[in-house]
Amino acid sequence: MLTRSQVDSLLGATLQQTKYSTRDGRVLTDYSHRDPLEPGVVIIGPGKDVLSNSAVNFVTACVMSGIGYWVGGW
């Protein structure tokens, strides 16, 4: 059975792009609105820029709610 953290990690790793600022020395959030082509901004990992972190959390909650509803109906 999938856990919430496994679904969240899978979605985040594949559908969320992670940007890191070498100038600031930190991972940039969804609200940073920094251009990936800006000097000092590096894209980390293979994730595509499809979902934000908030969207990943929302989709994870929906998937886990659906699984809970399905399992609870037994």
Protein backbone atom coordinates (compact mmCIF):
# COMPACT_ATOMS: atom_id res chain seq x y z
CA MET A 1 0.00 0.00 0.00
CA LEU A 2 1.26 3.48 -0.82
CA THR A 3 1.95 5.94 1.94
CA ARG A 4 1.34 9.67 1.71
CA SER A 5 5.06 10.41 1.69
CA GLN A 6 5.68 7.97 -1.17
CA VAL A 7 2.98 9.59 -3.34
CA ASP A 8 4.28 13.06 -2.44
CA SER A 9 7.87 12.10 -3.23
CA LEU A 10 6.96 10.46 -6.53
CA LEU A 11 4.92 13.45 -7.72
CA GLY A 12 7.51 15.94 -6.47
CA ALA A 13 10.40 14.12 -8.14
CA THR A 14 8.68 13.85 -11.51
CA LEU A 15 6.31 16.81 -11.85
CA GLN A 16 7.93 19.55 -9.74
CA GLN A 17 11.03 21.46 -10.77
CA THR A 18 13.49 22.37 -8.00
CA LYS A 19 15.57 25.52 -8.37
CA TYR A 20 18.61 26.32 -6.24
CA SER A 21 20.27 29.72 -5.91
CA THR A 22 24.04 29.45 -5.65
CA ARG A 23 24.14 33.17 -4.89
CA ASP A 24 21.78 32.87 -1.90
CA GLY A 25 22.77 29.29 -0.99
CA ARG A 26 19.18 28.05 -0.69
CA VAL A 27 16.42 26.19 -2.51
CA LEU A 28 13.98 28.62 -4.12
CA THR A 29 10.28 28.32 -3.31
CA ASP A 30 7.32 28.50 -5.67
CA TYR A 31 6.92 32.15 -4.68
CA SER A 32 10.47 33.20 -5.57
CA HIS A 33 9.58 33.82 -9.25
CA ARG A 34 13.21 33.70 -10.29
CA ASP A 35 14.11 33.00 -13.89
CA PRO A 36 15.96 29.67 -14.28
CA LEU A 37 18.26 31.39 -16.77
CA GLU A 38 19.27 34.00 -14.20
CA PRO A 39 22.95 33.72 -13.20
CA GLY A 40 23.32 31.67 -10.02
CA VAL A 41 20.03 29.74 -10.42
CA VAL A 42 20.52 26.01 -10.99
CA ILE A 43 17.83 23.43 -11.72
CA ILE A 44 18.24 20.36 -9.50
CA GLY A 45 16.96 16.91 -10.43
CA PRO A 46 14.92 15.56 -13.31
CA GLY A 47 11.54 17.08 -12.36
CA LYS A 48 9.44 18.84 -14.98
CA ASP A 49 7.91 22.26 -14.30
CA VAL A 50 4.29 21.01 -14.23
CA LEU A 51 3.16 21.37 -10.61
CA SER A 52 4.07 23.72 -7.79
CA ASN A 53 4.71 22.39 -4.30
CA SER A 54 1.20 23.39 -3.26
CA ALA A 55 -0.27 21.53 -6.23
CA VAL A 56 1.78 18.42 -5.40
CA ASN A 57 0.40 18.52 -1.85
CA PHE A 58 -3.17 18.97 -3.13
CA VAL A 59 -2.93 16.08 -5.61
CA THR A 60 -1.37 13.89 -2.91
CA ALA A 61 -4.24 14.69 -0.53
CA CYS A 62 -6.81 13.85 -3.22
CA VAL A 63 -5.11 10.55 -4.10
CA MET A 64 -4.79 9.49 -0.46
CA SER A 65 -8.40 10.49 0.26
CA GLY A 66 -9.56 8.37 -2.68
CA ILE A 67 -7.50 5.41 -1.49
CA GLY A 68 -8.84 5.83 2.04
CA TYR A 69 -12.41 5.96 0.76
CA TRP A 70 -11.85 2.84 -1.36
CA VAL A 71 -10.16 0.87 1.44
CA GLY A 72 -12.69 2.07 4.03
CA GLY A 73 -15.53 0.71 1.93
CA TRP A 74 -14.39 -2.90 2.48
